[in-house]
Every structure is written in C-alpha cells, then in structure tokens.
Amino acid sequence: MGNTDVNIEELQTFVEVADAGGISPAAQRLGVAKSIVSRRLARLEAELGVQLLVRTTRGTALTEAGATFRDYAARACAEIAVAKETMLPAGELRGRLRVAVPLSFGPTHFAPVLAEMARRHPLMHIQACYSDRFVDLIAEGYDCAIRVGYLPDSNLIARRIGPIYGRLVASPAYIKNYGEPTTPEALLTHQALMQGTETWQLTDGGRSITVRPQGRFKADNGTALVAAALAGLGIAYLPDCLTHAHLASGALVPVMTRHPPPPAGAYVVRPPGQHPARKIRILTELLIEYFDQSPYFARSLTA
C-alpha cells in the first residue's frame, strides 16, 4: 500500500458510493457535486494503493479489496460520528440528517418541525425528501423516516410520535347519486378512492373488521384523493388533518360513522442499530411535542 493519510471525508464518501451503487446517487445523498465525489474516491484509491471500485454500465461495483475495506470504513465512520457527538456541548448538534417524509401532509405539518430543528441547531445540515413512496431507508441512505398509518412488520426500529385520526368521507353529490353505505358489506358495492390495493380497517363495537374495497380511481397521494372525493368520484379513507376544512364547509361529509376506523399512528422509523443518533432522538422529541400541541391531530377536530 502507498501513503495511508486517509481522511474521514474520503471514507464517508466511499461508503456512500459503495452503498448507493454509484457516484450520482452518492453525490445526491451527500449533497455535493459528482466531481467532488470522484476526486475524493481517486484520492482514497491513490492513498491506499488499491482499486476499490470498478465502473460498470449499471453504476459502480466494489472490487474484492473494496468489499473488504467498505466494512472497516463504515465502522470507522460510525465510531468517529459517536466520538464527535459525545464531545459536543449538551444539546448542540452538527452533521447531516437525511429524513424521508410523507408528501400528503409532510410539507404542511412536518416541515415546520424540521425547520425549527434547523433553527435551533445551526451546524446541522438537514435534507428532507417528501414522497408517499415507501422509501428503503438502508438502500437509499436515510437516517430515518416519518411514517403515517399502520406499520407493517419490518426490521426497522419505530418510535410512535402521535395518533393519526381518520374517517371515511364522500361528497354530498356522491351520496345523493349512489346512497350512503351503512355496513362494511355495503361498502364493497361502492367506488373506493385508494392509494393502491390496500385494506381498510373499521370497527364494529370493540371488534376490528378488515374490508378490501374496490375502485377505479387510485392515487399515491392523500391530497389527490381529497380532490377525487370533492369531485364526487367515491368514498375515501383520509386523515382528519387533510379533510377538516372540507368537512367544516360541508364539501365532504363523514360516511360509515357507526364503523369508524381505529386511530392510526405517526412514527419515526430508523434502521436497526445499538443506539439512535442524538439527532434522531431530538427530532423525535420535537415531533412528539408538536403532536401534543397541534390542533390538527386532535380527536375533536371535526368530531
């Protein structure tokens, strides 16, 4: 090996490229230009005297030496991050936080919390990605995600930050044209507005009922489903914080009120690890505080 004056920035860049599978996605994760990523990799390979990566038509692949070195580099980066965090004055944060946030009401309800975190911690670099797509945190290099709904089983670690109340809604025009379902069985004969092929959870007294609705209109975004419901296309199951203004104005009406959906939840999820980074703990605490104080997530909003 050659001169091994390796710096932590080069190690972090190499780990990102290895995990992202290419220079472009790694540059996006790091928030720097592709040319900077390429220069850091070239310096690292020159310092180590070995080739770590090979360019392929599909991106970047690790050499045998690169695969071995990636694990050592990732551990070194993690240790340095812990050491830096430990030495910081109490409450002070620095570094990068990449967080995936739902698009449906993330920009209106969660974005102010992330902005407040950035205001309180001026050394932090926060990158938020707003999408209703189910993001693979590990493969796409996110520190954590805010997720809403009923969490599927996974190896991710989840912390509940608050309840999400929702209900079935439709426009008065839809009810006038097609009638109002009053039982879970009757609901199956109606047009459902859905994100995909999901099931709906309803309650019957203390009993939970699972319904598999059908419909011709689908959208992967809650705000788009609100628009479809307002247009009289069918019945939608939506969180109150998206529908409260329309319920208050009468543009939408509650449906199946004798069989309300059980409350869902909002969660911060993170990849498995021994201890959550302090930046994730602080974001989680801010979100819990927001849920406690926000009228948008209260049960009494439109009840």
Protein backbone atom coordinates (compact mmCIF):
# COMPACT_ATOMS: atom_id res chain seq x y z
CA MET A 1 0.00 0.00 0.00
CA GLY A 2 1.01 3.58 -0.58
CA ASN A 3 0.77 6.59 1.70
CA THR A 4 -2.21 5.94 4.03
CA ASP A 5 -3.02 9.51 5.03
CA VAL A 6 -6.76 8.82 4.69
CA ASN A 7 -9.27 11.43 5.88
CA ILE A 8 -12.75 10.77 7.24
CA GLU A 9 -14.46 12.68 4.41
CA GLU A 10 -12.96 10.30 1.84
CA LEU A 11 -14.03 7.28 3.92
CA GLN A 12 -17.60 8.57 4.24
CA THR A 13 -17.75 9.27 0.50
CA PHE A 14 -16.50 5.78 -0.33
CA VAL A 15 -19.08 4.16 1.98
CA GLU A 16 -21.89 6.22 0.39
CA VAL A 17 -20.79 5.23 -3.15
CA ALA A 18 -20.50 1.57 -2.12
CA ASP A 19 -23.95 1.57 -0.52
CA ALA A 20 -25.69 3.69 -3.17
CA GLY A 21 -24.18 1.72 -6.07
CA GLY A 22 -22.93 4.73 -7.98
CA ILE A 23 -21.38 8.18 -7.91
CA SER A 24 -24.57 10.09 -8.88
CA PRO A 25 -26.79 8.69 -6.10
CA ALA A 26 -23.96 9.07 -3.58
CA ALA A 27 -23.46 12.72 -4.59
CA GLN A 28 -27.18 13.27 -4.09
CA ARG A 29 -27.04 11.68 -0.61
CA LEU A 30 -24.02 13.76 0.35
CA GLY A 31 -25.35 16.97 -1.17
CA VAL A 32 -22.17 17.62 -3.19
CA ALA A 33 -21.23 17.68 -6.87
CA LYS A 34 -20.38 14.41 -8.65
CA SER A 35 -16.93 15.81 -9.48
CA ILE A 36 -16.17 16.19 -5.76
CA VAL A 37 -17.18 12.57 -5.11
CA SER A 38 -14.98 11.37 -7.99
CA ARG A 39 -11.99 13.38 -6.71
CA ARG A 40 -12.36 12.01 -3.16
CA LEU A 41 -12.52 8.44 -4.47
CA ALA A 42 -9.47 8.95 -6.67
CA ARG A 43 -7.53 10.37 -3.70
CA LEU A 44 -8.56 7.47 -1.46
CA GLU A 45 -7.54 4.84 -4.00
CA ALA A 46 -4.22 6.62 -4.56
CA GLU A 47 -3.59 6.82 -0.80
CA LEU A 48 -4.39 3.13 -0.28
CA GLY A 49 -2.65 1.99 -3.46
CA VAL A 50 -5.54 -0.32 -4.42
CA GLN A 51 -8.57 -0.14 -6.67
CA LEU A 52 -11.74 -0.12 -4.56
CA LEU A 53 -14.38 0.37 -7.24
CA VAL A 54 -14.96 -0.54 -10.86
CA ARG A 55 -17.25 1.42 -13.17
CA THR A 56 -19.93 -0.71 -14.82
CA THR A 57 -22.76 0.04 -17.24
CA ARG A 58 -25.14 -0.11 -14.27
CA GLY A 59 -23.13 2.17 -11.98
CA THR A 60 -20.31 1.24 -9.65
CA ALA A 61 -19.31 -2.13 -8.20
CA LEU A 62 -16.88 -2.97 -5.40
CA THR A 63 -13.68 -4.86 -6.10
CA GLU A 64 -12.76 -7.65 -3.70
CA ALA A 65 -10.48 -5.22 -1.84
CA GLY A 66 -13.25 -2.61 -1.88
CA ALA A 67 -15.78 -5.01 -0.34
CA THR A 68 -13.36 -5.82 2.49
CA PHE A 69 -12.43 -2.17 3.04
CA ARG A 70 -16.07 -0.97 2.98
CA ASP A 71 -16.86 -2.72 6.30
CA TYR A 72 -13.81 -1.26 8.02
CA ALA A 73 -14.55 2.20 6.58
CA ALA A 74 -18.21 2.09 7.71
CA ARG A 75 -17.19 1.09 11.25
CA ALA A 76 -14.57 3.85 11.38
CA CYS A 77 -17.12 6.45 10.21
CA ALA A 78 -19.63 5.27 12.81
CA GLU A 79 -17.04 5.43 15.61
CA ILE A 80 -15.96 8.95 14.58
CA ALA A 81 -19.62 10.08 14.50
CA VAL A 82 -20.19 8.73 18.03
CA ALA A 83 -16.97 10.36 19.26
CA LYS A 84 -17.92 13.73 17.75
CA GLU A 85 -21.39 13.56 19.25
CA THR A 86 -20.02 12.66 22.67
CA MET A 87 -17.66 15.64 22.70
CA LEU A 88 -20.26 18.20 21.63
CA PRO A 89 -21.67 20.55 24.28
CA ALA A 90 -25.00 19.31 25.63
CA GLY A 91 -27.83 19.99 23.19
CA GLU A 92 -25.60 21.02 20.28
CA LEU A 93 -25.89 19.05 17.05
CA ARG A 94 -23.81 19.01 13.89
CA GLY A 95 -23.56 16.84 10.82
CA ARG A 96 -26.19 15.68 8.35
CA LEU A 97 -29.71 14.35 8.84
CA ARG A 98 -31.44 12.75 5.84
CA VAL A 99 -35.10 12.12 6.55
CA ALA A 100 -37.89 10.72 4.36
CA VAL A 101 -41.24 12.43 4.96
CA PRO A 102 -44.72 11.66 3.59
CA LEU A 103 -45.79 14.06 0.84
CA SER A 104 -49.51 14.10 1.71
CA PHE A 105 -49.18 16.39 4.71
CA GLY A 106 -45.44 16.43 5.35
CA PRO A 107 -44.86 19.88 3.80
CA THR A 108 -47.69 21.43 5.85
CA HIS A 109 -47.32 19.62 9.18
CA PHE A 110 -43.84 18.07 9.47
CA ALA A 111 -41.79 20.63 7.52
CA PRO A 112 -42.19 23.31 10.24
CA VAL A 113 -40.73 20.86 12.80
CA LEU A 114 -37.69 20.18 10.60
CA ALA A 115 -37.27 23.93 10.05
CA GLU A 116 -37.42 24.51 13.81
CA MET A 117 -34.77 21.82 14.33
CA ALA A 118 -32.51 23.56 11.78
CA ARG A 119 -33.10 26.91 13.52
CA ARG A 120 -32.16 25.50 16.93
CA HIS A 121 -29.09 23.69 15.59
CA PRO A 122 -27.27 25.98 13.14
CA LEU A 123 -24.46 23.46 12.50
CA MET A 124 -26.90 20.80 11.23
CA HIS A 125 -27.43 20.01 7.54
CA ILE A 126 -30.96 18.70 7.06
CA GLN A 127 -32.08 17.02 3.84
CA ALA A 128 -35.78 16.09 3.68
CA CYS A 129 -37.26 14.03 0.86
CA TYR A 130 -41.06 14.36 0.54
CA SER A 131 -42.70 11.34 -1.06
CA ASP A 132 -45.58 8.99 -0.38
CA ARG A 133 -43.44 6.21 -1.87
CA PHE A 134 -42.30 3.60 0.66
CA VAL A 135 -38.60 4.54 0.88
CA ASP A 136 -35.98 1.86 1.59
CA LEU A 137 -34.05 3.65 4.33
CA ILE A 138 -30.97 1.43 4.26
CA ALA A 139 -30.59 1.11 0.47
CA GLU A 140 -31.24 4.82 -0.11
CA GLY A 141 -29.11 6.12 2.75
CA TYR A 142 -31.66 7.77 5.03
CA ASP A 143 -31.06 8.27 8.73
CA CYS A 144 -34.76 7.95 9.49
CA ALA A 145 -38.27 8.42 8.12
CA ILE A 146 -41.55 9.78 9.38
CA ARG A 147 -44.25 7.24 8.56
CA VAL A 148 -48.00 7.50 8.95
CA GLY A 149 -50.58 4.72 9.12
CA TYR A 150 -50.45 1.15 10.38
CA LEU A 151 -46.83 -0.01 10.37
CA PRO A 152 -46.08 -3.33 8.65
CA ASP A 153 -43.67 -5.69 10.38
CA SER A 154 -40.08 -4.95 9.44
CA ASN A 155 -36.57 -4.95 10.88
CA LEU A 156 -36.75 -1.16 11.30
CA ILE A 157 -36.97 0.36 14.78
CA ALA A 158 -40.06 2.53 15.25
CA ARG A 159 -40.98 5.15 17.86
CA ARG A 160 -44.58 6.34 17.94
CA ILE A 161 -44.87 10.15 17.95
CA GLY A 162 -48.63 10.53 17.99
CA PRO A 163 -52.05 9.36 16.84
CA ILE A 164 -53.50 9.97 13.39
CA TYR A 165 -57.29 10.08 13.36
CA GLY A 166 -59.10 9.49 10.11
CA ARG A 167 -62.52 8.72 8.72
CA LEU A 168 -64.36 7.70 5.58
CA VAL A 169 -65.62 10.70 3.62
CA ALA A 170 -67.52 11.43 0.43
CA SER A 171 -69.11 14.42 -1.27
CA PRO A 172 -72.84 15.12 -0.77
CA ALA A 173 -73.24 14.69 -4.56
CA TYR A 174 -71.81 11.16 -4.41
CA ILE A 175 -74.15 10.21 -1.53
CA LYS A 176 -77.11 11.70 -3.41
CA ASN A 177 -76.28 9.70 -6.56
CA TYR A 178 -75.24 6.38 -5.03
CA GLY A 179 -76.61 6.34 -1.50
CA GLU A 180 -74.72 6.00 1.79
CA PRO A 181 -73.32 2.65 2.87
CA THR A 182 -74.13 1.82 6.49
CA THR A 183 -72.46 -1.59 6.85
CA PRO A 184 -68.99 -2.91 5.91
CA GLU A 185 -70.66 -5.29 3.41
CA ALA A 186 -72.48 -2.40 1.71
CA LEU A 187 -69.20 -0.51 1.40
CA LEU A 188 -67.94 -3.17 -1.02
CA THR A 189 -70.55 -2.13 -3.61
CA HIS A 190 -69.27 1.47 -3.67
CA GLN A 191 -66.42 3.18 -5.50
CA ALA A 192 -63.43 3.48 -3.16
CA LEU A 193 -60.70 6.07 -3.70
CA MET A 194 -57.44 4.37 -2.77
CA GLN A 195 -53.67 4.64 -2.87
CA GLY A 196 -53.28 1.11 -4.23
CA THR A 197 -54.70 -2.26 -3.20
CA GLU A 198 -54.81 -1.51 0.50
CA THR A 199 -57.29 -2.85 3.01
CA TRP A 200 -59.36 -0.59 5.26
CA GLN A 201 -59.69 -1.25 8.99
CA LEU A 202 -63.08 -0.48 10.53
CA THR A 203 -64.53 -1.12 13.99
CA ASP A 204 -67.78 -2.80 14.99
CA GLY A 205 -68.21 -2.16 18.69
CA GLY A 206 -64.94 -3.45 20.13
CA ARG A 207 -64.30 -5.71 17.13
CA SER A 208 -61.97 -4.88 14.25
CA ILE A 209 -63.13 -5.55 10.68
CA THR A 210 -60.93 -5.66 7.59
CA VAL A 211 -62.51 -4.54 4.31
CA ARG A 212 -60.99 -4.87 0.84
CA PRO A 213 -62.63 -2.02 -1.08
CA GLN A 214 -62.67 -1.71 -4.87
CA GLY A 215 -62.47 1.36 -7.05
CA ARG A 216 -61.40 2.76 -10.40
CA PHE A 217 -59.57 5.86 -9.14
CA LYS A 218 -56.20 5.47 -7.41
CA ALA A 219 -53.51 7.96 -6.45
CA ASP A 220 -50.38 7.58 -4.34
CA ASN A 221 -51.01 10.88 -2.55
CA GLY A 222 -53.62 11.82 0.05
CA THR A 223 -54.16 15.35 -1.29
CA ALA A 224 -55.01 13.89 -4.71
CA LEU A 225 -57.56 11.57 -3.08
CA VAL A 226 -59.15 14.58 -1.34
CA ALA A 227 -59.60 16.19 -4.78
CA ALA A 228 -61.20 12.99 -6.12
CA ALA A 229 -63.59 12.84 -3.15
CA LEU A 230 -64.55 16.51 -3.66
CA ALA A 231 -65.25 15.71 -7.32
CA GLY A 232 -67.78 13.06 -6.28
CA LEU A 233 -65.79 10.07 -7.56
CA GLY A 234 -66.25 7.88 -4.49
CA ILE A 235 -65.55 7.26 -0.82
CA ALA A 236 -62.06 7.91 0.60
CA TYR A 237 -60.45 6.96 3.90
CA LEU A 238 -58.36 10.00 4.82
CA PRO A 239 -56.72 11.57 7.88
CA ASP A 240 -58.69 14.36 9.52
CA CYS A 241 -55.87 16.85 9.07
CA LEU A 242 -56.42 16.63 5.28
CA THR A 243 -60.21 16.83 5.34
CA HIS A 244 -61.15 19.04 8.32
CA ALA A 245 -61.71 22.23 6.27
CA HIS A 246 -63.88 20.38 3.72
CA LEU A 247 -65.89 18.67 6.46
CA ALA A 248 -66.39 22.02 8.20
CA SER A 249 -67.63 23.63 4.95
CA GLY A 250 -69.87 20.69 4.04
CA ALA A 251 -67.97 19.94 0.81
CA LEU A 252 -67.32 16.48 2.28
CA VAL A 253 -69.44 14.51 4.73
CA PRO A 254 -68.47 11.64 7.07
CA VAL A 255 -69.55 8.16 5.95
CA MET A 256 -69.89 4.91 7.96
CA THR A 257 -69.84 6.78 11.25
CA ARG A 258 -71.10 3.69 13.11
CA HIS A 259 -67.98 1.82 11.97
CA PRO A 260 -65.12 4.33 12.38
CA PRO A 261 -61.54 3.32 11.54
CA PRO A 262 -59.32 2.82 14.60
CA PRO A 263 -56.69 5.55 15.08
CA ALA A 264 -53.52 5.02 13.08
CA GLY A 265 -50.19 6.40 14.21
CA ALA A 266 -47.28 8.57 13.15
CA TYR A 267 -43.83 7.10 13.74
CA VAL A 268 -40.16 7.88 13.40
CA VAL A 269 -38.50 4.77 11.97
CA ARG A 270 -34.79 4.15 11.67
CA PRO A 271 -32.52 1.32 10.55
CA PRO A 272 -31.57 -1.14 13.31
CA GLY A 273 -28.56 -0.20 15.40
CA GLN A 274 -27.46 -0.17 19.01
CA HIS A 275 -28.36 3.42 19.86
CA PRO A 276 -30.27 6.04 17.91
CA ALA A 277 -28.11 9.02 16.99
CA ARG A 278 -28.80 12.05 19.15
CA LYS A 279 -30.06 13.95 16.09
CA ILE A 280 -32.81 11.31 15.60
CA ARG A 281 -33.71 11.40 19.30
CA ILE A 282 -34.02 15.19 19.22
CA LEU A 283 -36.13 15.15 16.03
CA THR A 284 -38.40 12.53 17.63
CA GLU A 285 -38.83 14.65 20.78
CA LEU A 286 -39.68 17.73 18.68
CA LEU A 287 -42.29 15.76 16.74
CA ILE A 288 -43.87 14.37 19.92
CA GLU A 289 -44.06 17.92 21.29
CA TYR A 290 -45.68 19.07 18.02
CA PHE A 291 -48.30 16.31 18.11
CA ASP A 292 -49.13 17.14 21.72
CA GLN A 293 -49.75 20.80 20.87
CA SER A 294 -51.17 20.70 17.33
CA PRO A 295 -54.93 21.09 16.90
CA TYR A 296 -54.66 19.31 13.53
CA PHE A 297 -54.11 15.94 15.18
CA ALA A 298 -56.71 16.26 17.94
CA ARG A 299 -59.66 13.90 18.00
CA SER A 300 -62.09 16.79 18.49
CA LEU A 301 -61.03 18.46 15.24
CA THR A 302 -64.15 17.65 13.24
CA ALA A 303 -65.95 15.23 15.55
